[in-house]
Amino acid sequence: MRIVIAGGHGRIALRLERLLHARGDEVAGIIRRPEQAGDLLAAGAEPVVIDLESASVADVARHLESADAAVFAAGAGPGSGAARKDTVDRAAAVLFADAAEAAGVRRFLVVSAMGADHEPPPGTDPVFAAYLRAKGAADADVRARAGLDWTVLRPGRLTDGPGTGLVALAASTGRGEVTRDDVAAVLLALLDEPATAGRTLELTGGETPVDEAVKGAVAAG
């Protein structure tokens, strides 16, 4: 398979790129900064330098031609303000979905966030509230598209500890932590399971091996 990942230098994306490369898939990562290219090459991914905040749909679609799947794993990142939460976490996701449709790429995965479907409670940090609203708006846009076989993955609080390979994956899991290693492993399994199309799934650490958790999410309907 050929997979194109938006946000290719992100901590989840780099892990996913390594997994895809290790099993022989072709993977490209979209990055904004040319100096990040070496890290992608080390992960086995082709670096594609293009700024999703300023690119056109046609610009991005050219890099998605012949791809079997697209993964949106981009984010404005820590230290960014509310404005960039909108331009990256919402608008860039919508642009990437537009480009996937234009290029004829149906399989589309989104790395989102728990709580994105709900208005943030009073007292929520304003920037974090903007992040959740941006993720929720992007998810709603993607989920309304008939031209994509989408899956939205909403991990719990992310950690950098070693992956356990054991997760909880369901429409609702409750709050919890999950390692970035395990998020990448679940994304890999979702790419291999077309029956997860049309699902929004929450993810935390748990007690079920990744492949079984994905099969269980399919069976749960």
C-alpha atoms as a PDB file:
ATOM      1  CA  MET A   1       0.000   0.000   0.000  1.00  0.00           C
ATOM      2  CA  ARG A   2       0.930   3.634  -0.412  1.00  0.00           C
ATOM      3  CA  ILE A   3      -0.121   5.810   2.517  1.00  0.00           C
ATOM      4  CA  VAL A   4       0.190   9.586   2.762  1.00  0.00           C
ATOM      5  CA  ILE A   5       0.272  11.095   6.262  1.00  0.00           C
ATOM      6  CA  ALA A   6      -0.444  14.757   6.971  1.00  0.00           C
ATOM      7  CA  GLY A   7       1.592  15.991   9.901  1.00  0.00           C
ATOM      8  CA  GLY A   8       4.361  13.597   8.960  1.00  0.00           C
ATOM      9  CA  HIS A   9       6.803  14.822  11.602  1.00  0.00           C
ATOM     10  CA  GLY A  10       4.390  14.407  14.497  1.00  0.00           C
ATOM     11  CA  ARG A  11       5.201  11.969  17.280  1.00  0.00           C
ATOM     12  CA  ILE A  12       2.385   9.596  16.289  1.00  0.00           C
ATOM     13  CA  ALA A  13       3.066   9.989  12.566  1.00  0.00           C
ATOM     14  CA  LEU A  14       6.762   9.113  12.847  1.00  0.00           C
ATOM     15  CA  ARG A  15       5.863   5.963  14.762  1.00  0.00           C
ATOM     16  CA  LEU A  16       3.283   4.994  12.145  1.00  0.00           C
ATOM     17  CA  GLU A  17       5.764   5.655   9.349  1.00  0.00           C
ATOM     18  CA  ARG A  18       8.259   3.287  10.942  1.00  0.00           C
ATOM     19  CA  LEU A  19       5.611   0.570  11.259  1.00  0.00           C
ATOM     20  CA  LEU A  20       4.471   0.969   7.663  1.00  0.00           C
ATOM     21  CA  HIS A  21       8.014   0.972   6.317  1.00  0.00           C
ATOM     22  CA  ALA A  22       8.950  -2.083   8.392  1.00  0.00           C
ATOM     23  CA  ARG A  23       6.239  -4.175   6.766  1.00  0.00           C
ATOM     24  CA  GLY A  24       7.074  -2.997   3.253  1.00  0.00           C
ATOM     25  CA  ASP A  25       4.461  -0.324   2.605  1.00  0.00           C
ATOM     26  CA  GLU A  26       5.274   2.882   0.755  1.00  0.00           C
ATOM     27  CA  VAL A  27       4.707   5.911   2.956  1.00  0.00           C
ATOM     28  CA  ALA A  28       4.966   9.656   2.446  1.00  0.00           C
ATOM     29  CA  GLY A  29       4.748  12.278   5.162  1.00  0.00           C
ATOM     30  CA  ILE A  30       3.611  15.842   4.550  1.00  0.00           C
ATOM     31  CA  ILE A  31       5.741  18.349   6.472  1.00  0.00           C
ATOM     32  CA  ARG A  32       5.910  22.138   6.577  1.00  0.00           C
ATOM     33  CA  ARG A  33       9.583  22.573   7.438  1.00  0.00           C
ATOM     34  CA  PRO A  34      12.306  21.218   5.105  1.00  0.00           C
ATOM     35  CA  GLU A  35      14.677  20.617   8.018  1.00  0.00           C
ATOM     36  CA  GLN A  36      12.357  17.856   9.244  1.00  0.00           C
ATOM     37  CA  ALA A  37      12.970  15.768   6.131  1.00  0.00           C
ATOM     38  CA  GLY A  38      15.890  13.830   7.624  1.00  0.00           C
ATOM     39  CA  ASP A  39      13.735  12.461  10.436  1.00  0.00           C
ATOM     40  CA  LEU A  40      11.190  11.169   7.922  1.00  0.00           C
ATOM     41  CA  LEU A  41      13.862   9.555   5.787  1.00  0.00           C
ATOM     42  CA  ALA A  42      15.229   7.838   8.911  1.00  0.00           C
ATOM     43  CA  ALA A  43      11.708   6.512   9.581  1.00  0.00           C
ATOM     44  CA  GLY A  44      11.489   5.125   6.052  1.00  0.00           C
ATOM     45  CA  ALA A  45       9.110   7.778   4.743  1.00  0.00           C
ATOM     46  CA  GLU A  46       9.290  10.058   1.730  1.00  0.00           C
ATOM     47  CA  PRO A  47       9.220  13.684   2.910  1.00  0.00           C
ATOM     48  CA  VAL A  48       6.754  15.936   1.082  1.00  0.00           C
ATOM     49  CA  VAL A  49       7.267  19.608   1.902  1.00  0.00           C
ATOM     50  CA  ILE A  50       4.013  21.527   1.597  1.00  0.00           C
ATOM     51  CA  ASP A  51       2.253  23.910   3.978  1.00  0.00           C
ATOM     52  CA  LEU A  52      -1.331  22.793   4.548  1.00  0.00           C
ATOM     53  CA  GLU A  53      -2.200  26.244   5.894  1.00  0.00           C
ATOM     54  CA  SER A  54      -1.483  27.903   2.544  1.00  0.00           C
ATOM     55  CA  ALA A  55      -1.629  25.129  -0.093  1.00  0.00           C
ATOM     56  CA  SER A  56      -4.511  24.663  -2.504  1.00  0.00           C
ATOM     57  CA  VAL A  57      -6.555  21.492  -2.777  1.00  0.00           C
ATOM     58  CA  ALA A  58      -4.947  20.811  -6.166  1.00  0.00           C
ATOM     59  CA  ASP A  59      -1.448  21.235  -4.687  1.00  0.00           C
ATOM     60  CA  VAL A  60      -2.136  18.601  -2.042  1.00  0.00           C
ATOM     61  CA  ALA A  61      -4.113  16.288  -4.322  1.00  0.00           C
ATOM     62  CA  ARG A  62      -1.063  15.889  -6.567  1.00  0.00           C
ATOM     63  CA  HIS A  63       0.772  14.238  -3.681  1.00  0.00           C
ATOM     64  CA  LEU A  64      -2.168  11.923  -2.974  1.00  0.00           C
ATOM     65  CA  GLU A  65      -2.441  10.522  -6.486  1.00  0.00           C
ATOM     66  CA  SER A  66      -2.006   6.724  -6.502  1.00  0.00           C
ATOM     67  CA  ALA A  67      -2.278   6.550  -2.703  1.00  0.00           C
ATOM     68  CA  ASP A  68      -4.332   3.758  -1.141  1.00  0.00           C
ATOM     69  CA  ALA A  69      -5.054   5.671   2.060  1.00  0.00           C
ATOM     70  CA  ALA A  70      -4.563   9.045   3.719  1.00  0.00           C
ATOM     71  CA  VAL A  71      -4.060   9.738   7.415  1.00  0.00           C
ATOM     72  CA  PHE A  72      -4.577  13.161   8.982  1.00  0.00           C
ATOM     73  CA  ALA A  73      -2.286  13.325  11.999  1.00  0.00           C
ATOM     74  CA  ALA A  74      -1.395  17.011  11.871  1.00  0.00           C
ATOM     75  CA  GLY A  75      -1.891  19.480  14.690  1.00  0.00           C
ATOM     76  CA  ALA A  76      -0.906  23.004  15.582  1.00  0.00           C
ATOM     77  CA  GLY A  77       0.989  21.595  18.549  1.00  0.00           C
ATOM     78  CA  PRO A  78       1.825  22.894  22.018  1.00  0.00           C
ATOM     79  CA  GLY A  79       2.544  26.577  22.296  1.00  0.00           C
ATOM     80  CA  SER A  80       0.237  27.540  19.428  1.00  0.00           C
ATOM     81  CA  GLY A  81      -2.694  29.864  19.969  1.00  0.00           C
ATOM     82  CA  ALA A  82      -6.389  29.516  19.273  1.00  0.00           C
ATOM     83  CA  ALA A  83      -6.069  30.898  15.735  1.00  0.00           C
ATOM     84  CA  ARG A  84      -3.713  28.114  14.640  1.00  0.00           C
ATOM     85  CA  LYS A  85      -5.928  25.482  16.231  1.00  0.00           C
ATOM     86  CA  ASP A  86      -8.497  26.569  13.669  1.00  0.00           C
ATOM     87  CA  THR A  87      -6.165  26.855  10.679  1.00  0.00           C
ATOM     88  CA  VAL A  88      -4.422  23.518  11.323  1.00  0.00           C
ATOM     89  CA  ASP A  89      -6.666  21.249  13.382  1.00  0.00           C
ATOM     90  CA  ARG A  90      -9.805  22.229  11.481  1.00  0.00           C
ATOM     91  CA  ALA A  91      -9.031  23.908   8.151  1.00  0.00           C
ATOM     92  CA  ALA A  92      -6.034  21.753   7.219  1.00  0.00           C
ATOM     93  CA  ALA A  93      -8.021  18.602   7.983  1.00  0.00           C
ATOM     94  CA  VAL A  94     -10.831  19.794   5.720  1.00  0.00           C
ATOM     95  CA  LEU A  95      -8.336  20.691   2.991  1.00  0.00           C
ATOM     96  CA  PHE A  96      -6.687  17.273   3.256  1.00  0.00           C
ATOM     97  CA  ALA A  97     -10.079  15.574   2.986  1.00  0.00           C
ATOM     98  CA  ASP A  98     -10.922  17.709  -0.053  1.00  0.00           C
ATOM     99  CA  ALA A  99      -7.598  16.702  -1.618  1.00  0.00           C
ATOM    100  CA  ALA A 100      -8.179  13.019  -0.900  1.00  0.00           C
ATOM    101  CA  GLU A 101     -11.543  13.150  -2.621  1.00  0.00           C
ATOM    102  CA  ALA A 102     -10.048  15.052  -5.567  1.00  0.00           C
ATOM    103  CA  ALA A 103      -7.329  12.397  -5.921  1.00  0.00           C
ATOM    104  CA  GLY A 104      -9.790   9.521  -5.617  1.00  0.00           C
ATOM    105  CA  VAL A 105      -8.405   8.261  -2.298  1.00  0.00           C
ATOM    106  CA  ARG A 106     -11.315   6.776  -0.347  1.00  0.00           C
ATOM    107  CA  ARG A 107      -9.687   5.385   2.805  1.00  0.00           C
ATOM    108  CA  PHE A 108      -9.199   8.274   5.205  1.00  0.00           C
ATOM    109  CA  LEU A 109      -8.164   8.148   8.863  1.00  0.00           C
ATOM    110  CA  VAL A 110      -8.273  11.085  11.271  1.00  0.00           C
ATOM    111  CA  VAL A 111      -6.414  11.355  14.571  1.00  0.00           C
ATOM    112  CA  SER A 112      -8.811  13.442  16.659  1.00  0.00           C
ATOM    113  CA  ALA A 113      -9.321  13.952  20.397  1.00  0.00           C
ATOM    114  CA  MET A 114     -11.667  12.777  23.113  1.00  0.00           C
ATOM    115  CA  GLY A 115     -14.390  15.281  23.889  1.00  0.00           C
ATOM    116  CA  ALA A 116     -14.400  16.792  20.416  1.00  0.00           C
ATOM    117  CA  ASP A 117     -18.158  16.258  19.976  1.00  0.00           C
ATOM    118  CA  HIS A 118     -19.081  18.320  23.036  1.00  0.00           C
ATOM    119  CA  GLU A 119     -18.843  21.962  23.988  1.00  0.00           C
ATOM    120  CA  PRO A 120     -15.910  22.315  26.418  1.00  0.00           C
ATOM    121  CA  PRO A 121     -17.110  22.744  29.998  1.00  0.00           C
ATOM    122  CA  PRO A 122     -16.906  26.129  31.738  1.00  0.00           C
ATOM    123  CA  GLY A 123     -13.424  26.849  33.019  1.00  0.00           C
ATOM    124  CA  THR A 124     -11.639  24.983  30.219  1.00  0.00           C
ATOM    125  CA  ASP A 125      -8.432  26.676  29.127  1.00  0.00           C
ATOM    126  CA  PRO A 126      -9.429  28.879  26.153  1.00  0.00           C
ATOM    127  CA  VAL A 127      -6.757  27.516  23.825  1.00  0.00           C
ATOM    128  CA  PHE A 128      -7.598  23.919  24.686  1.00  0.00           C
ATOM    129  CA  ALA A 129     -11.277  24.723  24.182  1.00  0.00           C
ATOM    130  CA  ALA A 130     -10.416  26.119  20.735  1.00  0.00           C
ATOM    131  CA  TYR A 131      -8.509  22.918  19.991  1.00  0.00           C
ATOM    132  CA  LEU A 132     -11.482  20.710  20.899  1.00  0.00           C
ATOM    133  CA  ARG A 133     -13.873  22.844  18.858  1.00  0.00           C
ATOM    134  CA  ALA A 134     -11.514  22.723  15.870  1.00  0.00           C
ATOM    135  CA  LYS A 135     -11.204  18.939  16.113  1.00  0.00           C
ATOM    136  CA  GLY A 136     -14.965  18.574  16.452  1.00  0.00           C
ATOM    137  CA  ALA A 137     -15.637  20.751  13.412  1.00  0.00           C
ATOM    138  CA  ALA A 138     -13.087  18.846  11.325  1.00  0.00           C
ATOM    139  CA  ASP A 139     -14.535  15.503  12.377  1.00  0.00           C
ATOM    140  CA  ALA A 140     -18.053  16.644  11.513  1.00  0.00           C
ATOM    141  CA  ASP A 141     -16.912  17.729   8.057  1.00  0.00           C
ATOM    142  CA  VAL A 142     -15.168  14.420   7.354  1.00  0.00           C
ATOM    143  CA  ARG A 143     -18.028  12.313   8.700  1.00  0.00           C
ATOM    144  CA  ALA A 144     -20.485  14.059   6.370  1.00  0.00           C
ATOM    145  CA  ARG A 145     -18.578  12.982   3.244  1.00  0.00           C
ATOM    146  CA  ALA A 146     -19.958  10.175   1.136  1.00  0.00           C
ATOM    147  CA  GLY A 147     -16.771  10.158  -0.929  1.00  0.00           C
ATOM    148  CA  LEU A 148     -14.528   8.926   1.886  1.00  0.00           C
ATOM    149  CA  ASP A 149     -14.342   5.653   3.780  1.00  0.00           C
ATOM    150  CA  TRP A 150     -13.410   7.487   6.944  1.00  0.00           C
ATOM    151  CA  THR A 151     -12.512   6.382  10.434  1.00  0.00           C
ATOM    152  CA  VAL A 152     -12.074   8.911  13.235  1.00  0.00           C
ATOM    153  CA  LEU A 153      -9.792   7.806  16.078  1.00  0.00           C
ATOM    154  CA  ARG A 154      -9.986   9.690  19.378  1.00  0.00           C
ATOM    155  CA  PRO A 155      -7.160   8.759  21.741  1.00  0.00           C
ATOM    156  CA  GLY A 156      -7.137   9.574  25.417  1.00  0.00           C
ATOM    157  CA  ARG A 157      -4.302  11.492  27.069  1.00  0.00           C
ATOM    158  CA  LEU A 158      -1.151  10.704  25.131  1.00  0.00           C
ATOM    159  CA  THR A 159       2.029   9.459  26.790  1.00  0.00           C
ATOM    160  CA  ASP A 160       5.485   8.586  25.488  1.00  0.00           C
ATOM    161  CA  GLY A 161       6.039   5.405  27.456  1.00  0.00           C
ATOM    162  CA  PRO A 162       6.665   2.147  25.618  1.00  0.00           C
ATOM    163  CA  GLY A 163       3.623   0.635  23.984  1.00  0.00           C
ATOM    164  CA  THR A 164       1.957  -2.312  25.654  1.00  0.00           C
ATOM    165  CA  GLY A 165       0.009  -3.595  22.649  1.00  0.00           C
ATOM    166  CA  LEU A 166      -3.037  -3.743  24.922  1.00  0.00           C
ATOM    167  CA  VAL A 167      -5.835  -1.221  24.417  1.00  0.00           C
ATOM    168  CA  ALA A 168      -9.496  -0.389  24.847  1.00  0.00           C
ATOM    169  CA  LEU A 169     -11.132   0.638  21.558  1.00  0.00           C
ATOM    170  CA  ALA A 170     -14.844   1.392  21.299  1.00  0.00           C
ATOM    171  CA  ALA A 171     -17.380   4.067  20.486  1.00  0.00           C
ATOM    172  CA  SER A 172     -16.993   5.114  24.124  1.00  0.00           C
ATOM    173  CA  THR A 173     -14.194   3.966  26.394  1.00  0.00           C
ATOM    174  CA  GLY A 174     -14.222   6.548  29.150  1.00  0.00           C
ATOM    175  CA  ARG A 175     -11.237   8.731  29.941  1.00  0.00           C
ATOM    176  CA  GLY A 176      -7.766   7.283  30.181  1.00  0.00           C
ATOM    177  CA  GLU A 177      -4.201   7.376  28.937  1.00  0.00           C
ATOM    178  CA  VAL A 178      -2.694   5.680  25.902  1.00  0.00           C
ATOM    179  CA  THR A 179       0.857   5.576  24.596  1.00  0.00           C
ATOM    180  CA  ARG A 180       1.697   7.062  21.237  1.00  0.00           C
ATOM    181  CA  ASP A 181       3.213   3.685  20.337  1.00  0.00           C
ATOM    182  CA  ASP A 182      -0.169   2.055  20.827  1.00  0.00           C
ATOM    183  CA  VAL A 183      -1.987   4.790  18.900  1.00  0.00           C
ATOM    184  CA  ALA A 184       0.305   4.149  15.928  1.00  0.00           C
ATOM    185  CA  ALA A 185      -0.274   0.395  16.202  1.00  0.00           C
ATOM    186  CA  VAL A 186      -4.041   0.920  16.212  1.00  0.00           C
ATOM    187  CA  LEU A 187      -3.845   3.213  13.173  1.00  0.00           C
ATOM    188  CA  LEU A 188      -1.909   0.499  11.360  1.00  0.00           C
ATOM    189  CA  ALA A 189      -4.581  -2.065  12.231  1.00  0.00           C
ATOM    190  CA  LEU A 190      -7.380   0.302  11.183  1.00  0.00           C
ATOM    191  CA  LEU A 191      -5.750   0.773   7.788  1.00  0.00           C
ATOM    192  CA  ASP A 192      -5.984  -2.997   7.361  1.00  0.00           C
ATOM    193  CA  GLU A 193      -9.623  -3.236   8.427  1.00  0.00           C
ATOM    194  CA  PRO A 194     -11.989  -1.574   5.930  1.00  0.00           C
ATOM    195  CA  ALA A 195     -14.984  -2.560   8.051  1.00  0.00           C
ATOM    196  CA  THR A 196     -14.043   0.214  10.490  1.00  0.00           C
ATOM    197  CA  ALA A 197     -15.062   2.782   7.861  1.00  0.00           C
ATOM    198  CA  GLY A 198     -17.804   5.049   9.119  1.00  0.00           C
ATOM    199  CA  ARG A 199     -16.799   4.590  12.775  1.00  0.00           C
ATOM    200  CA  THR A 200     -15.717   7.111  15.386  1.00  0.00           C
ATOM    201  CA  LEU A 201     -13.691   5.228  17.992  1.00  0.00           C
ATOM    202  CA  GLU A 202     -12.192   6.220  21.318  1.00  0.00           C
ATOM    203  CA  LEU A 203      -8.900   4.683  22.401  1.00  0.00           C
ATOM    204  CA  THR A 204      -7.190   4.207  25.748  1.00  0.00           C
ATOM    205  CA  GLY A 205      -4.794   1.733  27.234  1.00  0.00           C
ATOM    206  CA  GLY A 206      -6.569  -1.474  28.138  1.00  0.00           C
ATOM    207  CA  GLU A 207      -6.377  -5.246  28.286  1.00  0.00           C
ATOM    208  CA  THR A 208      -7.096  -6.327  24.700  1.00  0.00           C
ATOM    209  CA  PRO A 209      -4.432  -6.908  22.024  1.00  0.00           C
ATOM    210  CA  VAL A 210      -4.646  -4.333  19.252  1.00  0.00           C
ATOM    211  CA  ASP A 211      -5.817  -6.653  16.466  1.00  0.00           C
ATOM    212  CA  GLU A 212      -8.485  -8.190  18.695  1.00  0.00           C
ATOM    213  CA  ALA A 213      -9.609  -4.733  19.819  1.00  0.00           C
ATOM    214  CA  VAL A 214     -10.092  -3.642  16.204  1.00  0.00           C
ATOM    215  CA  LYS A 215     -12.071  -6.804  15.414  1.00  0.00           C
ATOM    216  CA  GLY A 216     -14.135  -6.225  18.547  1.00  0.00           C
ATOM    217  CA  ALA A 217     -14.913  -2.661  17.485  1.00  0.00           C
ATOM    218  CA  VAL A 218     -16.152  -3.968  14.130  1.00  0.00           C
ATOM    219  CA  ALA A 219     -18.289  -6.639  15.787  1.00  0.00           C
ATOM    220  CA  ALA A 220     -19.821  -4.085  18.156  1.00  0.00           C
ATOM    221  CA  GLY A 221     -21.267  -2.223  15.186  1.00  0.00           C
END
